[in-house]
All heavy atoms as atom14 arrays in JSON, in Angstrom:
{
  "sequence": "FYLKDRPEEAATIHVPCIVFDGKSEDFATEMFVIINSTPTRINKSHL",
  "atom14_mask": [
    [1, 1, 1, 1, 1, 1, 1, 1, 1, 1, 1, 0, 0, 0],
    [1, 1, 1, 1, 1, 1, 1, 1, 1, 1, 1, 1, 0, 0],
    [1, 1, 1, 1, 1, 1, 1, 1, 0, 0, 0, 0, 0, 0],
    [1, 1, 1, 1, 1, 1, 1, 1, 1, 0, 0, 0, 0, 0],
    [1, 1, 1, 1, 1, 1, 1, 1, 0, 0, 0, 0, 0, 0],
    [1, 1, 1, 1, 1, 1, 1, 1, 1, 1, 1, 0, 0, 0],
    [1, 1, 1, 1, 1, 1, 1, 0, 0, 0, 0, 0, 0, 0],
    [1, 1, 1, 1, 1, 1, 1, 1, 1, 0, 0, 0, 0, 0],
    [1, 1, 1, 1, 1, 1, 1, 1, 1, 0, 0, 0, 0, 0],
    [1, 1, 1, 1, 1, 0, 0, 0, 0, 0, 0, 0, 0, 0],
    [1, 1, 1, 1, 1, 0, 0, 0, 0, 0, 0, 0, 0, 0],
    [1, 1, 1, 1, 1, 1, 1, 0, 0, 0, 0, 0, 0, 0],
    [1, 1, 1, 1, 1, 1, 1, 1, 0, 0, 0, 0, 0, 0],
    [1, 1, 1, 1, 1, 1, 1, 1, 1, 1, 0, 0, 0, 0],
    [1, 1, 1, 1, 1, 1, 1, 0, 0, 0, 0, 0, 0, 0],
    [1, 1, 1, 1, 1, 1, 1, 0, 0, 0, 0, 0, 0, 0],
    [1, 1, 1, 1, 1, 1, 0, 0, 0, 0, 0, 0, 0, 0],
    [1, 1, 1, 1, 1, 1, 1, 1, 0, 0, 0, 0, 0, 0],
    [1, 1, 1, 1, 1, 1, 1, 0, 0, 0, 0, 0, 0, 0],
    [1, 1, 1, 1, 1, 1, 1, 1, 1, 1, 1, 0, 0, 0],
    [1, 1, 1, 1, 1, 1, 1, 1, 0, 0, 0, 0, 0, 0],
    [1, 1, 1, 1, 0, 0, 0, 0, 0, 0, 0, 0, 0, 0],
    [1, 1, 1, 1, 1, 1, 1, 1, 1, 0, 0, 0, 0, 0],
    [1, 1, 1, 1, 1, 1, 0, 0, 0, 0, 0, 0, 0, 0],
    [1, 1, 1, 1, 1, 1, 1, 1, 1, 0, 0, 0, 0, 0],
    [1, 1, 1, 1, 1, 1, 1, 1, 0, 0, 0, 0, 0, 0],
    [1, 1, 1, 1, 1, 1, 1, 1, 1, 1, 1, 0, 0, 0],
    [1, 1, 1, 1, 1, 0, 0, 0, 0, 0, 0, 0, 0, 0],
    [1, 1, 1, 1, 1, 1, 1, 0, 0, 0, 0, 0, 0, 0],
    [1, 1, 1, 1, 1, 1, 1, 1, 1, 0, 0, 0, 0, 0],
    [1, 1, 1, 1, 1, 1, 1, 1, 0, 0, 0, 0, 0, 0],
    [1, 1, 1, 1, 1, 1, 1, 1, 1, 1, 1, 0, 0, 0],
    [1, 1, 1, 1, 1, 1, 1, 0, 0, 0, 0, 0, 0, 0],
    [1, 1, 1, 1, 1, 1, 1, 1, 0, 0, 0, 0, 0, 0],
    [1, 1, 1, 1, 1, 1, 1, 1, 0, 0, 0, 0, 0, 0],
    [1, 1, 1, 1, 1, 1, 1, 1, 0, 0, 0, 0, 0, 0],
    [1, 1, 1, 1, 1, 1, 0, 0, 0, 0, 0, 0, 0, 0],
    [1, 1, 1, 1, 1, 1, 1, 0, 0, 0, 0, 0, 0, 0],
    [1, 1, 1, 1, 1, 1, 1, 0, 0, 0, 0, 0, 0, 0],
    [1, 1, 1, 1, 1, 1, 1, 0, 0, 0, 0, 0, 0, 0],
    [1, 1, 1, 1, 1, 1, 1, 1, 1, 1, 1, 0, 0, 0],
    [1, 1, 1, 1, 1, 1, 1, 1, 0, 0, 0, 0, 0, 0],
    [1, 1, 1, 1, 1, 1, 1, 1, 0, 0, 0, 0, 0, 0],
    [1, 1, 1, 1, 1, 1, 1, 1, 1, 0, 0, 0, 0, 0],
    [1, 1, 1, 1, 1, 1, 0, 0, 0, 0, 0, 0, 0, 0],
    [1, 1, 1, 1, 1, 1, 1, 1, 1, 1, 0, 0, 0, 0],
    [1, 1, 1, 1, 1, 1, 1, 1, 0, 0, 0, 0, 0, 0]
  ],
  "atom14_positions": [
    [[0.79, -1.14, 0.03], [-0.01, -0.05, 0.01], [0.86, 1.28, 0.03], [0.55, 2.31, -0.64], [-0.96, -0.05, 1.19], [-1.97, -1.06, 1.18], [-2.15, -1.97, 2.12], [-2.89, -1.07, 0.05], [-3.18, -2.93, 2.13], [-3.84, -2.07, 0.0], [-4.0, -2.93, 1.07], [0.0, 0.0, 0.0], [0.0, 0.0, 0.0], [0.0, 0.0, 0.0]],
    [[1.93, 1.31, 0.71], [2.87, 2.38, 0.8], [3.46, 2.72, -0.5], [3.42, 3.93, -0.9], [3.95, 2.07, 1.88], [5.0, 3.17, 1.94], [4.77, 4.37, 2.41], [6.38, 2.8, 1.61], [5.73, 5.39, 2.51], [7.4, 3.77, 1.75], [7.02, 4.97, 2.15], [8.04, 5.93, 2.22], [0.0, 0.0, 0.0], [0.0, 0.0, 0.0]],
    [[3.87, 1.65, -1.24], [4.54, 1.91, -2.47], [3.48, 2.27, -3.58], [3.91, 2.97, -4.57], [5.38, 0.7, -2.93], [6.53, 0.41, -2.04], [7.34, -0.76, -2.64], [7.53, 1.59, -1.94], [0.0, 0.0, 0.0], [0.0, 0.0, 0.0], [0.0, 0.0, 0.0], [0.0, 0.0, 0.0], [0.0, 0.0, 0.0], [0.0, 0.0, 0.0]],
    [[2.39, 1.99, -3.35], [1.31, 2.37, -4.26], [1.08, 3.81, -4.22], [0.85, 4.52, -5.33], [-0.05, 1.66, -3.91], [-1.23, 1.93, -4.95], [-2.5, 1.21, -4.49], [-3.59, 1.64, -5.44], [-4.91, 0.97, -5.03], [0.0, 0.0, 0.0], [0.0, 0.0, 0.0], [0.0, 0.0, 0.0], [0.0, 0.0, 0.0], [0.0, 0.0, 0.0]],
    [[1.2, 4.39, -2.98], [1.09, 5.87, -2.86], [2.36, 6.59, -3.18], [2.39, 7.73, -3.65], [0.75, 6.2, -1.44], [-0.76, 5.64, -1.12], [-1.45, 5.46, -2.07], [-1.07, 5.64, 0.17], [0.0, 0.0, 0.0], [0.0, 0.0, 0.0], [0.0, 0.0, 0.0], [0.0, 0.0, 0.0], [0.0, 0.0, 0.0], [0.0, 0.0, 0.0]],
    [[3.54, 5.9, -2.94], [4.82, 6.57, -3.12], [5.68, 5.65, -3.91], [6.78, 5.19, -3.4], [5.43, 6.86, -1.83], [4.59, 7.77, -0.93], [5.3, 8.18, 0.33], [4.48, 9.06, 1.18], [4.98, 9.68, 2.23], [6.28, 9.68, 2.56], [4.18, 10.45, 2.98], [0.0, 0.0, 0.0], [0.0, 0.0, 0.0], [0.0, 0.0, 0.0]],
    [[5.38, 5.44, -5.26], [6.28, 4.52, -6.0], [7.72, 4.94, -6.16], [8.6, 4.12, -6.41], [5.49, 4.45, -7.31], [4.76, 5.78, -7.33], [4.29, 5.97, -5.93], [0.0, 0.0, 0.0], [0.0, 0.0, 0.0], [0.0, 0.0, 0.0], [0.0, 0.0, 0.0], [0.0, 0.0, 0.0], [0.0, 0.0, 0.0], [0.0, 0.0, 0.0]],
    [[8.0, 6.3, -6.1], [9.23, 6.73, -6.22], [10.2, 6.37, -5.16], [11.46, 6.44, -5.3], [9.19, 8.3, -6.43], [8.9, 9.04, -5.06], [7.39, 9.09, -4.72], [6.64, 8.5, -5.48], [7.13, 9.61, -3.6], [0.0, 0.0, 0.0], [0.0, 0.0, 0.0], [0.0, 0.0, 0.0], [0.0, 0.0, 0.0], [0.0, 0.0, 0.0]],
    [[9.64, 5.84, -4.11], [10.52, 5.47, -2.95], [10.96, 4.04, -2.99], [11.67, 3.45, -2.09], [9.89, 5.78, -1.61], [9.69, 7.29, -1.32], [9.34, 7.61, 0.0], [9.52, 6.69, 0.94], [8.96, 8.81, 0.35], [0.0, 0.0, 0.0], [0.0, 0.0, 0.0], [0.0, 0.0, 0.0], [0.0, 0.0, 0.0], [0.0, 0.0, 0.0]],
    [[10.39, 3.25, -3.99], [10.6, 1.76, -4.09], [12.11, 1.51, -4.13], [12.68, 0.56, -3.53], [9.91, 1.23, -5.21], [0.0, 0.0, 0.0], [0.0, 0.0, 0.0], [0.0, 0.0, 0.0], [0.0, 0.0, 0.0], [0.0, 0.0, 0.0], [0.0, 0.0, 0.0], [0.0, 0.0, 0.0], [0.0, 0.0, 0.0], [0.0, 0.0, 0.0]],
    [[12.83, 2.38, -4.89], [14.28, 2.05, -5.08], [15.14, 2.28, -3.86], [16.24, 1.77, -3.73], [14.83, 2.97, -6.22], [0.0, 0.0, 0.0], [0.0, 0.0, 0.0], [0.0, 0.0, 0.0], [0.0, 0.0, 0.0], [0.0, 0.0, 0.0], [0.0, 0.0, 0.0], [0.0, 0.0, 0.0], [0.0, 0.0, 0.0], [0.0, 0.0, 0.0]],
    [[14.51, 2.94, -2.84], [15.25, 3.15, -1.63], [15.07, 2.22, -0.48], [15.66, 2.25, 0.54], [14.91, 4.62, -1.03], [13.56, 4.48, -0.54], [15.01, 5.65, -2.11], [0.0, 0.0, 0.0], [0.0, 0.0, 0.0], [0.0, 0.0, 0.0], [0.0, 0.0, 0.0], [0.0, 0.0, 0.0], [0.0, 0.0, 0.0], [0.0, 0.0, 0.0]],
    [[14.2, 1.18, -0.81], [13.88, 0.21, 0.24], [14.22, -1.17, -0.28], [13.83, -1.71, -1.24], [12.4, 0.23, 0.54], [11.91, 1.66, 1.08], [12.0, -0.88, 1.51], [10.42, 1.78, 1.37], [0.0, 0.0, 0.0], [0.0, 0.0, 0.0], [0.0, 0.0, 0.0], [0.0, 0.0, 0.0], [0.0, 0.0, 0.0], [0.0, 0.0, 0.0]],
    [[15.09, -1.84, 0.55], [15.41, -3.23, 0.41], [14.9, -4.03, 1.63], [15.09, -3.51, 2.76], [16.91, -3.49, 0.22], [17.35, -3.17, -1.13], [17.36, -1.75, -1.64], [17.96, -3.83, -2.16], [17.93, -1.83, -2.83], [18.27, -3.03, -3.19], [0.0, 0.0, 0.0], [0.0, 0.0, 0.0], [0.0, 0.0, 0.0], [0.0, 0.0, 0.0]],
    [[14.36, -5.18, 1.42], [13.73, -5.88, 2.56], [14.66, -7.09, 2.95], [14.94, -7.88, 2.06], [12.36, -6.32, 2.19], [11.73, -7.09, 3.42], [11.5, -5.2, 1.72], [0.0, 0.0, 0.0], [0.0, 0.0, 0.0], [0.0, 0.0, 0.0], [0.0, 0.0, 0.0], [0.0, 0.0, 0.0], [0.0, 0.0, 0.0], [0.0, 0.0, 0.0]],
    [[15.09, -7.14, 4.22], [15.87, -8.29, 4.61], [14.91, -9.56, 4.73], [13.86, -9.58, 5.36], [16.39, -7.93, 5.91], [15.37, -6.86, 6.48], [14.88, -6.16, 5.27], [0.0, 0.0, 0.0], [0.0, 0.0, 0.0], [0.0, 0.0, 0.0], [0.0, 0.0, 0.0], [0.0, 0.0, 0.0], [0.0, 0.0, 0.0], [0.0, 0.0, 0.0]],
    [[15.34, -10.67, 4.06], [14.56, -11.85, 4.09], [15.43, -13.08, 4.44], [16.6, -13.18, 4.13], [13.99, -12.11, 2.6], [12.88, -10.75, 2.05], [0.0, 0.0, 0.0], [0.0, 0.0, 0.0], [0.0, 0.0, 0.0], [0.0, 0.0, 0.0], [0.0, 0.0, 0.0], [0.0, 0.0, 0.0], [0.0, 0.0, 0.0], [0.0, 0.0, 0.0]],
    [[14.81, -13.98, 5.11], [15.31, -15.27, 5.34], [14.55, -16.33, 4.41], [13.25, -16.33, 4.53], [15.23, -15.75, 6.79], [16.11, -14.87, 7.66], [15.7, -17.18, 6.97], [17.62, -15.0, 7.42], [0.0, 0.0, 0.0], [0.0, 0.0, 0.0], [0.0, 0.0, 0.0], [0.0, 0.0, 0.0], [0.0, 0.0, 0.0], [0.0, 0.0, 0.0]],
    [[15.25, -17.13, 3.64], [14.48, -18.06, 2.74], [14.91, -19.52, 3.15], [16.03, -19.84, 3.28], [15.03, -17.82, 1.26], [14.5, -18.88, 0.33], [14.6, -16.4, 0.74], [0.0, 0.0, 0.0], [0.0, 0.0, 0.0], [0.0, 0.0, 0.0], [0.0, 0.0, 0.0], [0.0, 0.0, 0.0], [0.0, 0.0, 0.0], [0.0, 0.0, 0.0]],
    [[13.78, -20.21, 3.36], [13.93, -21.75, 3.54], [13.43, -22.32, 2.29], [12.44, -22.06, 1.72], [12.96, -22.05, 4.79], [13.36, -21.42, 6.0], [12.78, -20.19, 6.39], [14.38, -21.93, 6.87], [13.06, -19.56, 7.58], [14.79, -21.3, 8.14], [14.07, -20.09, 8.49], [0.0, 0.0, 0.0], [0.0, 0.0, 0.0], [0.0, 0.0, 0.0]],
    [[14.22, -23.41, 1.85], [13.8, -24.1, 0.64], [13.91, -25.6, 0.83], [14.62, -26.12, 1.71], [14.76, -23.67, -0.48], [16.14, -24.35, -0.32], [16.67, -24.43, 0.74], [16.66, -24.76, -1.37], [0.0, 0.0, 0.0], [0.0, 0.0, 0.0], [0.0, 0.0, 0.0], [0.0, 0.0, 0.0], [0.0, 0.0, 0.0], [0.0, 0.0, 0.0]],
    [[13.14, -26.25, -0.06], [13.42, -27.63, -0.23], [13.13, -28.57, 0.94], [13.66, -29.71, 0.95], [0.0, 0.0, 0.0], [0.0, 0.0, 0.0], [0.0, 0.0, 0.0], [0.0, 0.0, 0.0], [0.0, 0.0, 0.0], [0.0, 0.0, 0.0], [0.0, 0.0, 0.0], [0.0, 0.0, 0.0], [0.0, 0.0, 0.0], [0.0, 0.0, 0.0]],
    [[12.49, -28.09, 1.97], [12.31, -28.9, 3.18], [11.07, -29.77, 3.01], [10.28, -29.68, 2.0], [12.15, -28.07, 4.44], [13.4, -27.12, 4.63], [14.69, -27.9, 4.83], [15.76, -26.95, 5.2], [16.24, -26.12, 4.07], [0.0, 0.0, 0.0], [0.0, 0.0, 0.0], [0.0, 0.0, 0.0], [0.0, 0.0, 0.0], [0.0, 0.0, 0.0]],
    [[10.74, -30.64, 4.02], [9.54, -31.45, 3.98], [8.36, -30.57, 4.02], [8.37, -29.36, 4.4], [9.46, -32.43, 5.17], [9.35, -31.66, 6.34], [0.0, 0.0, 0.0], [0.0, 0.0, 0.0], [0.0, 0.0, 0.0], [0.0, 0.0, 0.0], [0.0, 0.0, 0.0], [0.0, 0.0, 0.0], [0.0, 0.0, 0.0], [0.0, 0.0, 0.0]],
    [[7.13, -31.11, 3.71], [5.95, -30.29, 3.67], [5.5, -29.8, 5.0], [4.73, -28.81, 5.14], [4.79, -31.11, 3.0], [4.99, -31.4, 1.52], [3.81, -31.89, 0.79], [2.78, -32.09, 1.59], [3.81, -32.07, -0.39], [0.0, 0.0, 0.0], [0.0, 0.0, 0.0], [0.0, 0.0, 0.0], [0.0, 0.0, 0.0], [0.0, 0.0, 0.0]],
    [[6.03, -30.49, 6.07], [5.68, -30.09, 7.39], [6.44, -28.86, 7.87], [6.22, -28.18, 8.81], [5.95, -31.19, 8.37], [4.79, -32.29, 8.24], [3.75, -31.9, 7.78], [5.09, -33.42, 8.68], [0.0, 0.0, 0.0], [0.0, 0.0, 0.0], [0.0, 0.0, 0.0], [0.0, 0.0, 0.0], [0.0, 0.0, 0.0], [0.0, 0.0, 0.0]],
    [[7.66, -28.55, 7.14], [8.47, -27.56, 7.59], [7.89, -26.19, 7.71], [8.09, -25.46, 8.69], [9.77, -27.5, 6.73], [10.82, -26.6, 7.13], [11.58, -26.88, 8.27], [10.96, -25.32, 6.64], [12.62, -26.02, 8.74], [11.83, -24.39, 7.12], [12.65, -24.79, 8.09], [0.0, 0.0, 0.0], [0.0, 0.0, 0.0], [0.0, 0.0, 0.0]],
    [[7.12, -25.73, 6.69], [6.57, -24.43, 6.75], [5.56, -24.35, 7.94], [5.48, -23.27, 8.62], [5.84, -24.11, 5.44], [0.0, 0.0, 0.0], [0.0, 0.0, 0.0], [0.0, 0.0, 0.0], [0.0, 0.0, 0.0], [0.0, 0.0, 0.0], [0.0, 0.0, 0.0], [0.0, 0.0, 0.0], [0.0, 0.0, 0.0], [0.0, 0.0, 0.0]],
    [[4.74, -25.39, 8.05], [3.79, -25.33, 9.18], [4.6, -25.31, 10.56], [4.16, -24.47, 11.41], [3.0, -26.69, 9.14], [2.43, -26.78, 7.91], [1.94, -26.63, 10.27], [0.0, 0.0, 0.0], [0.0, 0.0, 0.0], [0.0, 0.0, 0.0], [0.0, 0.0, 0.0], [0.0, 0.0, 0.0], [0.0, 0.0, 0.0], [0.0, 0.0, 0.0]],
    [[5.68, -25.99, 10.57], [6.46, -26.03, 11.8], [7.02, -24.64, 12.15], [6.89, -24.15, 13.23], [7.73, -26.96, 11.59], [8.63, -27.02, 12.82], [9.61, -28.17, 12.57], [9.4, -29.06, 11.74], [10.69, -28.09, 13.18], [0.0, 0.0, 0.0], [0.0, 0.0, 0.0], [0.0, 0.0, 0.0], [0.0, 0.0, 0.0], [0.0, 0.0, 0.0]],
    [[7.53, -23.97, 11.09], [8.05, -22.63, 11.32], [6.96, -21.67, 11.69], [7.11, -20.82, 12.51], [8.69, -22.16, 9.89], [10.08, -22.76, 9.68], [11.24, -22.45, 10.98], [11.32, -20.63, 11.03], [0.0, 0.0, 0.0], [0.0, 0.0, 0.0], [0.0, 0.0, 0.0], [0.0, 0.0, 0.0], [0.0, 0.0, 0.0], [0.0, 0.0, 0.0]],
    [[5.74, -21.81, 11.12], [4.6, -20.93, 11.38], [4.25, -21.1, 12.89], [4.0, -20.08, 13.6], [3.45, -21.31, 10.53], [2.27, -20.31, 10.64], [2.31, -19.19, 10.14], [1.1, -20.8, 11.47], [1.14, -18.27, 10.26], [0.13, -20.01, 11.51], [0.05, -18.75, 10.94], [0.0, 0.0, 0.0], [0.0, 0.0, 0.0], [0.0, 0.0, 0.0]],
    [[4.21, -22.33, 13.34], [3.86, -22.56, 14.73], [4.94, -21.96, 15.71], [4.56, -21.21, 16.63], [3.8, -24.05, 15.1], [3.65, -24.39, 16.54], [2.65, -24.71, 14.28], [0.0, 0.0, 0.0], [0.0, 0.0, 0.0], [0.0, 0.0, 0.0], [0.0, 0.0, 0.0], [0.0, 0.0, 0.0], [0.0, 0.0, 0.0], [0.0, 0.0, 0.0]],
    [[6.23, -22.14, 15.29], [7.22, -21.57, 16.21], [7.06, -20.08, 16.23], [7.19, -19.41, 17.34], [8.65, -22.03, 15.63], [8.76, -23.5, 15.86], [9.69, -21.29, 16.48], [10.07, -24.03, 15.08], [0.0, 0.0, 0.0], [0.0, 0.0, 0.0], [0.0, 0.0, 0.0], [0.0, 0.0, 0.0], [0.0, 0.0, 0.0], [0.0, 0.0, 0.0]],
    [[7.05, -19.45, 15.08], [6.93, -17.97, 15.04], [5.8, -17.34, 15.82], [5.87, -16.35, 16.39], [7.05, -17.52, 13.57], [8.41, -17.92, 12.86], [6.84, -15.95, 13.47], [9.57, -17.29, 13.61], [0.0, 0.0, 0.0], [0.0, 0.0, 0.0], [0.0, 0.0, 0.0], [0.0, 0.0, 0.0], [0.0, 0.0, 0.0], [0.0, 0.0, 0.0]],
    [[4.69, -18.13, 15.64], [3.49, -17.53, 16.16], [3.04, -17.9, 17.53], [2.0, -17.64, 18.12], [2.31, -17.78, 15.25], [2.38, -17.0, 13.97], [2.19, -15.75, 13.87], [2.85, -17.68, 12.86], [0.0, 0.0, 0.0], [0.0, 0.0, 0.0], [0.0, 0.0, 0.0], [0.0, 0.0, 0.0], [0.0, 0.0, 0.0], [0.0, 0.0, 0.0]],
    [[3.94, -18.66, 18.27], [3.72, -19.21, 19.66], [3.93, -18.05, 20.67], [4.7, -18.35, 21.52], [4.52, -20.41, 19.92], [4.3, -21.37, 18.91], [0.0, 0.0, 0.0], [0.0, 0.0, 0.0], [0.0, 0.0, 0.0], [0.0, 0.0, 0.0], [0.0, 0.0, 0.0], [0.0, 0.0, 0.0], [0.0, 0.0, 0.0], [0.0, 0.0, 0.0]],
    [[3.49, -16.88, 20.4], [3.65, -15.82, 21.47], [2.29, -15.21, 21.86], [1.41, -15.27, 21.04], [4.57, -14.76, 20.87], [3.9, -14.07, 19.79], [5.87, -15.32, 20.37], [0.0, 0.0, 0.0], [0.0, 0.0, 0.0], [0.0, 0.0, 0.0], [0.0, 0.0, 0.0], [0.0, 0.0, 0.0], [0.0, 0.0, 0.0], [0.0, 0.0, 0.0]],
    [[2.26, -14.6, 22.96], [0.95, -13.99, 23.41], [0.39, -12.92, 22.48], [-0.85, -12.68, 22.49], [1.31, -13.37, 24.78], [2.61, -14.03, 25.23], [3.3, -14.4, 23.91], [0.0, 0.0, 0.0], [0.0, 0.0, 0.0], [0.0, 0.0, 0.0], [0.0, 0.0, 0.0], [0.0, 0.0, 0.0], [0.0, 0.0, 0.0], [0.0, 0.0, 0.0]],
    [[1.27, -12.37, 21.65], [0.7, -11.27, 20.83], [0.18, -11.78, 19.38], [-0.24, -11.04, 18.63], [1.73, -10.22, 20.42], [2.9, -10.83, 19.88], [2.16, -9.55, 21.75], [0.0, 0.0, 0.0], [0.0, 0.0, 0.0], [0.0, 0.0, 0.0], [0.0, 0.0, 0.0], [0.0, 0.0, 0.0], [0.0, 0.0, 0.0], [0.0, 0.0, 0.0]],
    [[0.36, -13.15, 19.17], [-0.07, -13.67, 17.86], [-1.1, -14.68, 18.09], [-2.1, -14.49, 18.85], [1.14, -14.21, 17.16], [2.29, -13.23, 16.97], [1.83, -12.08, 16.06], [1.71, -12.45, 14.72], [2.74, -12.55, 13.85], [3.9, -12.26, 14.2], [2.36, -12.91, 12.58], [0.0, 0.0, 0.0], [0.0, 0.0, 0.0], [0.0, 0.0, 0.0]],
    [[-0.97, -15.82, 17.46], [-2.1, -16.86, 17.57], [-2.31, -17.35, 18.92], [-1.29, -17.59, 19.75], [-1.73, -18.0, 16.63], [-1.92, -17.46, 15.23], [-2.68, -19.08, 16.88], [-1.55, -18.61, 14.13], [0.0, 0.0, 0.0], [0.0, 0.0, 0.0], [0.0, 0.0, 0.0], [0.0, 0.0, 0.0], [0.0, 0.0, 0.0], [0.0, 0.0, 0.0]],
    [[-3.52, -17.41, 19.36], [-3.82, -17.94, 20.62], [-3.24, -19.23, 20.87], [-3.26, -20.23, 20.13], [-5.46, -18.04, 20.75], [-5.85, -18.41, 22.14], [-5.48, -19.37, 22.75], [-6.67, -17.47, 22.72], [0.0, 0.0, 0.0], [0.0, 0.0, 0.0], [0.0, 0.0, 0.0], [0.0, 0.0, 0.0], [0.0, 0.0, 0.0], [0.0, 0.0, 0.0]],
    [[-2.53, -19.37, 22.03], [-1.84, -20.62, 22.29], [-2.77, -21.89, 22.36], [-2.31, -23.01, 21.98], [-1.09, -20.5, 23.63], [-0.17, -21.72, 23.96], [0.55, -21.56, 25.25], [1.41, -22.75, 25.55], [2.12, -22.68, 26.86], [0.0, 0.0, 0.0], [0.0, 0.0, 0.0], [0.0, 0.0, 0.0], [0.0, 0.0, 0.0], [0.0, 0.0, 0.0]],
    [[-4.04, -21.74, 22.71], [-4.86, -22.8, 22.69], [-4.97, -23.5, 21.38], [-5.16, -24.64, 21.22], [-6.28, -22.41, 23.23], [-6.24, -22.28, 24.67], [0.0, 0.0, 0.0], [0.0, 0.0, 0.0], [0.0, 0.0, 0.0], [0.0, 0.0, 0.0], [0.0, 0.0, 0.0], [0.0, 0.0, 0.0], [0.0, 0.0, 0.0], [0.0, 0.0, 0.0]],
    [[-5.07, -22.56, 20.34], [-5.18, -23.04, 18.93], [-3.94, -23.89, 18.61], [-4.08, -24.78, 17.69], [-5.39, -21.9, 18.07], [-5.95, -22.36, 16.72], [-7.18, -22.98, 16.57], [-5.41, -22.32, 15.47], [-7.38, -23.34, 15.21], [-6.34, -22.84, 14.6], [0.0, 0.0, 0.0], [0.0, 0.0, 0.0], [0.0, 0.0, 0.0], [0.0, 0.0, 0.0]],
    [[-2.82, -23.64, 19.13], [-1.67, -24.27, 18.67], [-1.67, -25.7, 19.13], [-0.96, -26.62, 18.56], [-0.31, -23.58, 19.26], [-0.1, -22.19, 18.66], [1.0, -21.59, 19.43], [0.17, -22.18, 17.31], [0.0, 0.0, 0.0], [0.0, 0.0, 0.0], [0.0, 0.0, 0.0], [0.0, 0.0, 0.0], [0.0, 0.0, 0.0], [0.0, 0.0, 0.0]]
  ]
}
């Protein structure tokens, strides 16, 4: 949304990313559970 309003600033922003590849199908789910197991994110009961 930000770049839609200010496309001229796109060249000034690089986003740091961590890429996981080629793991088992459970891996992405596993990472999602780990990252979101905090009080500010997904309710722990649901985990």
